[in-house]
């Protein structure tokens, strides 16, 4: 599956904005991303495996809240990170 990576996470992917990953669910896909790009998942999920407040996941342009959502071949996953500061 094609995964679109936001700028704040591209240091994990060697600067790539788009990577390939696989998984039957969103969580499995994140596990696969973390195997390929160690440490990346911790930037998106907290210690209780919940989505961090500043991160959003979209599957085929639909926002996802459930990490158990089943994925299909050909799905496109977009990860967005909100910017903060002041």
PDB file of N, CA and C in Angstrom:
ATOM      1  N   UNK A   1       0.839  -1.177   0.000  1.00  0.00           N
ATOM      2  CA  UNK A   1       0.000   0.000   0.000  1.00  0.00           C
ATOM      3  C   UNK A   1       0.881   1.236   0.000  1.00  0.00           C
ATOM      4  N   UNK A   2       0.385   2.245  -0.609  1.00  0.00           N
ATOM      5  CA  UNK A   2       1.116   3.505  -0.682  1.00  0.00           C
ATOM      6  C   UNK A   2       0.794   4.332   0.559  1.00  0.00           C
ATOM      7  N   UNK A   3       1.848   4.809   1.220  1.00  0.00           N
ATOM      8  CA  UNK A   3       1.708   5.614   2.427  1.00  0.00           C
ATOM      9  C   UNK A   3       2.360   6.963   2.180  1.00  0.00           C
ATOM     10  N   UNK A   4       1.593   8.026   2.388  1.00  0.00           N
ATOM     11  CA  UNK A   4       2.104   9.379   2.243  1.00  0.00           C
ATOM     12  C   UNK A   4       2.573   9.865   3.607  1.00  0.00           C
ATOM     13  N   UNK A   5       3.834  10.273   3.678  1.00  0.00           N
ATOM     14  CA  UNK A   5       4.493  10.613   4.934  1.00  0.00           C
ATOM     15  C   UNK A   5       4.611  12.130   5.063  1.00  0.00           C
ATOM     16  N   UNK A   6       4.194  12.692   6.198  1.00  0.00           N
ATOM     17  CA  UNK A   6       4.299  14.144   6.379  1.00  0.00           C
ATOM     18  C   UNK A   6       5.748  14.568   6.638  1.00  0.00           C
ATOM     19  N   UNK A   7       6.027  15.816   6.383  1.00  0.00           N
ATOM     20  CA  UNK A   7       7.382  16.356   6.557  1.00  0.00           C
ATOM     21  C   UNK A   7       8.011  16.035   7.911  1.00  0.00           C
ATOM     22  N   UNK A   8       7.282  16.180   9.043  1.00  0.00           N
ATOM     23  CA  UNK A   8       7.927  15.916  10.330  1.00  0.00           C
ATOM     24  C   UNK A   8       8.397  14.468  10.534  1.00  0.00           C
ATOM     25  N   UNK A   9       7.913  13.539   9.718  1.00  0.00           N
ATOM     26  CA  UNK A   9       8.309  12.131   9.867  1.00  0.00           C
ATOM     27  C   UNK A   9       9.281  11.659   8.787  1.00  0.00           C
ATOM     28  N   UNK A  10       9.616  12.530   7.879  1.00  0.00           N
ATOM     29  CA  UNK A  10      10.467  12.119   6.764  1.00  0.00           C
ATOM     30  C   UNK A  10      11.912  11.855   7.171  1.00  0.00           C
ATOM     31  N   UNK A  11      12.308  12.306   8.348  1.00  0.00           N
ATOM     32  CA  UNK A  11      13.665  11.977   8.811  1.00  0.00           C
ATOM     33  C   UNK A  11      13.791  10.463   9.015  1.00  0.00           C
ATOM     34  N   UNK A  12      12.686   9.784   9.265  1.00  0.00           N
ATOM     35  CA  UNK A  12      12.687   8.325   9.424  1.00  0.00           C
ATOM     36  C   UNK A  12      12.755   7.604   8.080  1.00  0.00           C
ATOM     37  N   UNK A  13      12.242   8.238   7.043  1.00  0.00           N
ATOM     38  CA  UNK A  13      12.148   7.582   5.733  1.00  0.00           C
ATOM     39  C   UNK A  13      13.246   8.037   4.771  1.00  0.00           C
ATOM     40  N   UNK A  14      14.276   8.667   5.307  1.00  0.00           N
ATOM     41  CA  UNK A  14      15.352   9.145   4.439  1.00  0.00           C
ATOM     42  C   UNK A  14      14.899  10.270   3.539  1.00  0.00           C
ATOM     43  N   UNK A  15      13.910  11.025   3.990  1.00  0.00           N
ATOM     44  CA  UNK A  15      13.413  12.165   3.223  1.00  0.00           C
ATOM     45  C   UNK A  15      12.305  11.841   2.237  1.00  0.00           C
ATOM     46  N   UNK A  16      11.926  10.578   2.149  1.00  0.00           N
ATOM     47  CA  UNK A  16      10.882  10.205   1.180  1.00  0.00           C
ATOM     48  C   UNK A  16       9.505  10.613   1.662  1.00  0.00           C
ATOM     49  N   UNK A  17       8.719  11.186   0.764  1.00  0.00           N
ATOM     50  CA  UNK A  17       7.360  11.619   1.068  1.00  0.00           C
ATOM     51  C   UNK A  17       6.355  10.497   0.866  1.00  0.00           C
ATOM     52  N   UNK A  18       6.789   9.442   0.208  1.00  0.00           N
ATOM     53  CA  UNK A  18       5.900   8.317  -0.089  1.00  0.00           C
ATOM     54  C   UNK A  18       6.687   7.025   0.068  1.00  0.00           C
ATOM     55  N   UNK A  19       6.089   6.063   0.787  1.00  0.00           N
ATOM     56  CA  UNK A  19       6.726   4.765   0.992  1.00  0.00           C
ATOM     57  C   UNK A  19       5.685   3.668   0.794  1.00  0.00           C
ATOM     58  N   UNK A  20       6.144   2.447   0.699  1.00  0.00           N
ATOM     59  CA  UNK A  20       5.257   1.288   0.603  1.00  0.00           C
ATOM     60  C   UNK A  20       5.262   0.553   1.936  1.00  0.00           C
ATOM     61  N   UNK A  21       4.116   0.060   2.338  1.00  0.00           N
ATOM     62  CA  UNK A  21       3.990  -0.741   3.554  1.00  0.00           C
ATOM     63  C   UNK A  21       2.827  -1.699   3.358  1.00  0.00           C
ATOM     64  N   UNK A  22       2.748  -2.702   4.239  1.00  0.00           N
ATOM     65  CA  UNK A  22       1.639  -3.640   4.140  1.00  0.00           C
ATOM     66  C   UNK A  22       1.090  -3.938   5.525  1.00  0.00           C
ATOM     67  N   UNK A  23      -0.123  -4.444   5.545  1.00  0.00           N
ATOM     68  CA  UNK A  23      -0.781  -4.818   6.783  1.00  0.00           C
ATOM     69  C   UNK A  23      -2.261  -5.020   6.540  1.00  0.00           C
ATOM     70  N   UNK A  24      -2.852  -5.922   7.308  1.00  0.00           N
ATOM     71  CA  UNK A  24      -4.287  -6.173   7.167  1.00  0.00           C
ATOM     72  C   UNK A  24      -5.129  -5.114   7.850  1.00  0.00           C
ATOM     73  N   UNK A  25      -4.533  -4.412   8.825  1.00  0.00           N
ATOM     74  CA  UNK A  25      -5.220  -3.335   9.546  1.00  0.00           C
ATOM     75  C   UNK A  25      -4.301  -2.125   9.594  1.00  0.00           C
ATOM     76  N   UNK A  26      -4.849  -0.999  10.031  1.00  0.00           N
ATOM     77  CA  UNK A  26      -4.028   0.203  10.173  1.00  0.00           C
ATOM     78  C   UNK A  26      -2.899  -0.065  11.169  1.00  0.00           C
ATOM     79  N   UNK A  27      -3.198  -0.721  12.296  1.00  0.00           N
ATOM     80  CA  UNK A  27      -2.154  -1.019  13.287  1.00  0.00           C
ATOM     81  C   UNK A  27      -1.070  -1.905  12.695  1.00  0.00           C
ATOM     82  N   UNK A  28      -1.448  -2.916  11.929  1.00  0.00           N
ATOM     83  CA  UNK A  28      -0.461  -3.792  11.292  1.00  0.00           C
ATOM     84  C   UNK A  28       0.389  -3.010  10.295  1.00  0.00           C
ATOM     85  N   UNK A  29      -0.215  -2.082   9.594  1.00  0.00           N
ATOM     86  CA  UNK A  29       0.521  -1.228   8.671  1.00  0.00           C
ATOM     87  C   UNK A  29       1.537  -0.374   9.438  1.00  0.00           C
ATOM     88  N   UNK A  30       1.132   0.167  10.586  1.00  0.00           N
ATOM     89  CA  UNK A  30       2.053   0.961  11.402  1.00  0.00           C
ATOM     90  C   UNK A  30       3.188   0.090  11.927  1.00  0.00           C
ATOM     91  N   UNK A  31       2.882  -1.142  12.277  1.00  0.00           N
ATOM     92  CA  UNK A  31       3.929  -2.079  12.701  1.00  0.00           C
ATOM     93  C   UNK A  31       4.932  -2.304  11.571  1.00  0.00           C
ATOM     94  N   UNK A  32       4.424  -2.469  10.350  1.00  0.00           N
ATOM     95  CA  UNK A  32       5.293  -2.678   9.195  1.00  0.00           C
ATOM     96  C   UNK A  32       6.148  -1.439   8.946  1.00  0.00           C
ATOM     97  N   UNK A  33       5.553  -0.258   9.054  1.00  0.00           N
ATOM     98  CA  UNK A  33       6.326   0.977   8.899  1.00  0.00           C
ATOM     99  C   UNK A  33       7.431   1.057   9.941  1.00  0.00           C
ATOM    100  N   UNK A  34       7.119   0.659  11.179  1.00  0.00           N
ATOM    101  CA  UNK A  34       8.113   0.731  12.247  1.00  0.00           C
ATOM    102  C   UNK A  34       9.246  -0.276  12.037  1.00  0.00           C
ATOM    103  N   UNK A  35       8.948  -1.411  11.427  1.00  0.00           N
ATOM    104  CA  UNK A  35      10.014  -2.368  11.102  1.00  0.00           C
ATOM    105  C   UNK A  35      10.956  -1.771  10.050  1.00  0.00           C
ATOM    106  N   UNK A  36      10.383  -1.129   9.066  1.00  0.00           N
ATOM    107  CA  UNK A  36      11.186  -0.540   7.991  1.00  0.00           C
ATOM    108  C   UNK A  36      11.871   0.752   8.431  1.00  0.00           C
ATOM    109  N   UNK A  37      11.192   1.501   9.317  1.00  0.00           N
ATOM    110  CA  UNK A  37      11.690   2.807   9.750  1.00  0.00           C
ATOM    111  C   UNK A  37      11.590   2.888  11.280  1.00  0.00           C
ATOM    112  N   UNK A  38      12.545   2.252  11.981  1.00  0.00           N
ATOM    113  CA  UNK A  38      12.471   2.154  13.448  1.00  0.00           C
ATOM    114  C   UNK A  38      12.271   3.503  14.141  1.00  0.00           C
ATOM    115  N   UNK A  39      11.333   3.493  15.095  1.00  0.00           N
ATOM    116  CA  UNK A  39      11.034   4.685  15.881  1.00  0.00           C
ATOM    117  C   UNK A  39       9.894   5.520  15.338  1.00  0.00           C
ATOM    118  N   UNK A  40       9.502   5.274  14.115  1.00  0.00           N
ATOM    119  CA  UNK A  40       8.464   6.084  13.472  1.00  0.00           C
ATOM    120  C   UNK A  40       7.110   5.954  14.175  1.00  0.00           C
ATOM    121  N   UNK A  41       6.754   4.739  14.555  1.00  0.00           N
ATOM    122  CA  UNK A  41       5.443   4.517  15.175  1.00  0.00           C
ATOM    123  C   UNK A  41       5.288   5.300  16.477  1.00  0.00           C
ATOM    124  N   UNK A  42       6.363   5.392  17.269  1.00  0.00           N
ATOM    125  CA  UNK A  42       6.288   6.117  18.544  1.00  0.00           C
ATOM    126  C   UNK A  42       5.968   7.590  18.341  1.00  0.00           C
ATOM    127  N   UNK A  43       6.295   8.131  17.209  1.00  0.00           N
ATOM    128  CA  UNK A  43       5.953   9.528  16.918  1.00  0.00           C
ATOM    129  C   UNK A  43       4.467   9.683  16.591  1.00  0.00           C
ATOM    130  N   UNK A  44       3.787   8.561  16.267  1.00  0.00           N
ATOM    131  CA  UNK A  44       2.375   8.615  15.893  1.00  0.00           C
ATOM    132  C   UNK A  44       1.449   8.071  16.973  1.00  0.00           C
ATOM    133  N   UNK A  45       1.935   7.095  17.754  1.00  0.00           N
ATOM    134  CA  UNK A  45       1.130   6.450  18.799  1.00  0.00           C
ATOM    135  C   UNK A  45       1.812   6.623  20.143  1.00  0.00           C
ATOM    136  N   UNK A  46       1.003   6.742  21.204  1.00  0.00           N
ATOM    137  CA  UNK A  46       1.575   6.865  22.547  1.00  0.00           C
ATOM    138  C   UNK A  46       1.852   5.483  23.139  1.00  0.00           C
ATOM    139  N   UNK A  47       2.250   5.463  24.408  1.00  0.00           N
ATOM    140  CA  UNK A  47       2.609   4.210  25.071  1.00  0.00           C
ATOM    141  C   UNK A  47       1.429   3.250  25.212  1.00  0.00           C
ATOM    142  N   UNK A  48       0.205   3.758  25.186  1.00  0.00           N
ATOM    143  CA  UNK A  48      -0.992   2.917  25.256  1.00  0.00           C
ATOM    144  C   UNK A  48      -1.528   2.564  23.867  1.00  0.00           C
ATOM    145  N   UNK A  49      -0.711   2.814  22.840  1.00  0.00           N
ATOM    146  CA  UNK A  49      -1.072   2.513  21.456  1.00  0.00           C
ATOM    147  C   UNK A  49      -2.277   3.315  20.977  1.00  0.00           C
ATOM    148  N   UNK A  50      -2.425   4.534  21.496  1.00  0.00           N
ATOM    149  CA  UNK A  50      -3.468   5.454  21.033  1.00  0.00           C
ATOM    150  C   UNK A  50      -2.842   6.480  20.101  1.00  0.00           C
ATOM    151  N   UNK A  51      -3.640   6.947  19.162  1.00  0.00           N
ATOM    152  CA  UNK A  51      -3.162   7.955  18.220  1.00  0.00           C
ATOM    153  C   UNK A  51      -2.855   9.239  18.990  1.00  0.00           C
ATOM    154  N   UNK A  52      -1.661   9.782  18.777  1.00  0.00           N
ATOM    155  CA  UNK A  52      -1.284  11.033  19.443  1.00  0.00           C
ATOM    156  C   UNK A  52      -2.206  12.162  18.965  1.00  0.00           C
ATOM    157  N   UNK A  53      -2.477  13.140  19.839  1.00  0.00           N
ATOM    158  CA  UNK A  53      -3.445  14.200  19.513  1.00  0.00           C
ATOM    159  C   UNK A  53      -3.122  15.003  18.253  1.00  0.00           C
ATOM    160  N   UNK A  54      -1.855  15.124  17.914  1.00  0.00           N
ATOM    161  CA  UNK A  54      -1.473  15.947  16.757  1.00  0.00           C
ATOM    162  C   UNK A  54      -1.377  15.149  15.452  1.00  0.00           C
ATOM    163  N   UNK A  55      -1.734  13.856  15.480  1.00  0.00           N
ATOM    164  CA  UNK A  55      -1.612  12.993  14.304  1.00  0.00           C
ATOM    165  C   UNK A  55      -2.995  12.596  13.797  1.00  0.00           C
ATOM    166  N   UNK A  56      -3.118  12.558  12.488  1.00  0.00           N
ATOM    167  CA  UNK A  56      -4.353  12.110  11.835  1.00  0.00           C
ATOM    168  C   UNK A  56      -3.997  11.076  10.776  1.00  0.00           C
ATOM    169  N   UNK A  57      -4.828  10.047  10.653  1.00  0.00           N
ATOM    170  CA  UNK A  57      -4.665   9.027   9.627  1.00  0.00           C
ATOM    171  C   UNK A  57      -5.872   9.081   8.697  1.00  0.00           C
ATOM    172  N   UNK A  58      -5.604   8.936   7.414  1.00  0.00           N
ATOM    173  CA  UNK A  58      -6.657   8.892   6.408  1.00  0.00           C
ATOM    174  C   UNK A  58      -6.415   7.676   5.525  1.00  0.00           C
ATOM    175  N   UNK A  59      -7.477   6.931   5.244  1.00  0.00           N
ATOM    176  CA  UNK A  59      -7.425   5.814   4.317  1.00  0.00           C
ATOM    177  C   UNK A  59      -8.355   6.173   3.171  1.00  0.00           C
ATOM    178  N   UNK A  60      -7.779   6.275   1.985  1.00  0.00           N
ATOM    179  CA  UNK A  60      -8.551   6.682   0.804  1.00  0.00           C
ATOM    180  C   UNK A  60      -9.320   7.981   1.074  1.00  0.00           C
ATOM    181  N   UNK A  61      -8.643   8.916   1.726  1.00  0.00           N
ATOM    182  CA  UNK A  61      -9.142  10.268   2.013  1.00  0.00           C
ATOM    183  C   UNK A  61     -10.223  10.329   3.093  1.00  0.00           C
ATOM    184  N   UNK A  62     -10.470   9.206   3.775  1.00  0.00           N
ATOM    185  CA  UNK A  62     -11.442   9.162   4.881  1.00  0.00           C
ATOM    186  C   UNK A  62     -10.676   9.091   6.193  1.00  0.00           C
ATOM    187  N   UNK A  63     -11.006   9.974   7.119  1.00  0.00           N
ATOM    188  CA  UNK A  63     -10.306   9.982   8.398  1.00  0.00           C
ATOM    189  C   UNK A  63     -10.579   8.689   9.165  1.00  0.00           C
ATOM    190  N   UNK A  64      -9.534   8.165   9.782  1.00  0.00           N
ATOM    191  CA  UNK A  64      -9.595   6.907  10.514  1.00  0.00           C
ATOM    192  C   UNK A  64      -9.331   7.163  11.996  1.00  0.00           C
ATOM    193  N   UNK A  65     -10.206   6.622  12.853  1.00  0.00           N
ATOM    194  CA  UNK A  65     -10.011   6.698  14.301  1.00  0.00           C
ATOM    195  C   UNK A  65      -9.696   5.320  14.875  1.00  0.00           C
ATOM    196  N   UNK A  66     -10.089   4.280  14.162  1.00  0.00           N
ATOM    197  CA  UNK A  66      -9.963   2.901  14.621  1.00  0.00           C
ATOM    198  C   UNK A  66      -8.740   2.245  13.994  1.00  0.00           C
ATOM    199  N   UNK A  67      -7.721   1.957  14.817  1.00  0.00           N
ATOM    200  CA  UNK A  67      -6.504   1.335  14.306  1.00  0.00           C
ATOM    201  C   UNK A  67      -6.736  -0.106  13.873  1.00  0.00           C
ATOM    202  N   UNK A  68      -7.873  -0.672  14.231  1.00  0.00           N
ATOM    203  CA  UNK A  68      -8.228  -2.022  13.809  1.00  0.00           C
ATOM    204  C   UNK A  68      -8.924  -2.065  12.463  1.00  0.00           C
ATOM    205  N   UNK A  69      -9.114  -0.908  11.839  1.00  0.00           N
ATOM    206  CA  UNK A  69      -9.771  -0.853  10.525  1.00  0.00           C
ATOM    207  C   UNK A  69      -9.025  -1.730   9.537  1.00  0.00           C
ATOM    208  N   UNK A  70      -9.766  -2.588   8.839  1.00  0.00           N
ATOM    209  CA  UNK A  70      -9.168  -3.487   7.858  1.00  0.00           C
ATOM    210  C   UNK A  70      -8.817  -2.718   6.593  1.00  0.00           C
ATOM    211  N   UNK A  71      -7.675  -3.061   6.038  1.00  0.00           N
ATOM    212  CA  UNK A  71      -7.192  -2.433   4.817  1.00  0.00           C
ATOM    213  C   UNK A  71      -7.293  -3.415   3.666  1.00  0.00           C
ATOM    214  N   UNK A  72      -7.382  -2.878   2.468  1.00  0.00           N
ATOM    215  CA  UNK A  72      -7.441  -3.693   1.260  1.00  0.00           C
ATOM    216  C   UNK A  72      -6.286  -3.307   0.340  1.00  0.00           C
ATOM    217  N   UNK A  73      -5.888  -4.249  -0.503  1.00  0.00           N
ATOM    218  CA  UNK A  73      -4.839  -3.965  -1.476  1.00  0.00           C
ATOM    219  C   UNK A  73      -5.248  -2.737  -2.288  1.00  0.00           C
ATOM    220  N   UNK A  74      -4.323  -1.859  -2.505  1.00  0.00           N
ATOM    221  CA  UNK A  74      -4.605  -0.663  -3.282  1.00  0.00           C
ATOM    222  C   UNK A  74      -5.038   0.535  -2.457  1.00  0.00           C
ATOM    223  N   UNK A  75      -5.288   0.344  -1.163  1.00  0.00           N
ATOM    224  CA  UNK A  75      -5.641   1.487  -0.316  1.00  0.00           C
ATOM    225  C   UNK A  75      -4.466   2.453  -0.249  1.00  0.00           C
ATOM    226  N   UNK A  76      -4.787   3.731  -0.124  1.00  0.00           N
ATOM    227  CA  UNK A  76      -3.776   4.761   0.071  1.00  0.00           C
ATOM    228  C   UNK A  76      -3.951   5.329   1.470  1.00  0.00           C
ATOM    229  N   UNK A  77      -2.836   5.426   2.184  1.00  0.00           N
ATOM    230  CA  UNK A  77      -2.857   5.904   3.565  1.00  0.00           C
ATOM    231  C   UNK A  77      -2.093   7.211   3.622  1.00  0.00           C
ATOM    232  N   UNK A  78      -2.707   8.202   4.217  1.00  0.00           N
ATOM    233  CA  UNK A  78      -2.048   9.490   4.402  1.00  0.00           C
ATOM    234  C   UNK A  78      -1.938   9.760   5.889  1.00  0.00           C
ATOM    235  N   UNK A  79      -0.766  10.174   6.300  1.00  0.00           N
ATOM    236  CA  UNK A  79      -0.522  10.539   7.696  1.00  0.00           C
ATOM    237  C   UNK A  79      -0.327  12.044   7.717  1.00  0.00           C
ATOM    238  N   UNK A  80      -1.040  12.710   8.608  1.00  0.00           N
ATOM    239  CA  UNK A  80      -0.877  14.159   8.771  1.00  0.00           C
ATOM    240  C   UNK A  80      -0.461  14.446  10.197  1.00  0.00           C
ATOM    241  N   UNK A  81       0.415  15.421  10.360  1.00  0.00           N
ATOM    242  CA  UNK A  81       0.849  15.874  11.684  1.00  0.00           C
ATOM    243  C   UNK A  81       0.560  17.365  11.786  1.00  0.00           C
ATOM    244  N   UNK A  82      -0.163  17.750  12.819  1.00  0.00           N
ATOM    245  CA  UNK A  82      -0.429  19.162  13.056  1.00  0.00           C
ATOM    246  C   UNK A  82       0.838  19.828  13.561  1.00  0.00           C
ATOM    247  N   UNK A  83       1.028  21.066  13.184  1.00  0.00           N
ATOM    248  CA  UNK A  83       2.140  21.838  13.694  1.00  0.00           C
ATOM    249  C   UNK A  83       1.709  22.546  14.961  1.00  0.00           C
ATOM    250  N   UNK A  84       2.636  22.713  15.875  1.00  0.00           N
ATOM    251  CA  UNK A  84       2.323  23.428  17.102  1.00  0.00           C
ATOM    252  C   UNK A  84       3.450  24.410  17.404  1.00  0.00           C
ATOM    253  N   UNK A  85       3.189  25.264  18.309  1.00  0.00           N
ATOM    254  CA  UNK A  85       4.191  26.261  18.677  1.00  0.00           C
ATOM    255  C   UNK A  85       3.513  27.575  18.960  1.00  0.00           C
ATOM    256  N   UNK A  86       4.293  28.555  19.177  1.00  0.00           N
ATOM    257  CA  UNK A  86       3.639  29.831  19.454  1.00  0.00           C
ATOM    258  C   UNK A  86       4.557  30.956  19.670  1.00  0.00           C
TER     259      UNK A  86
END
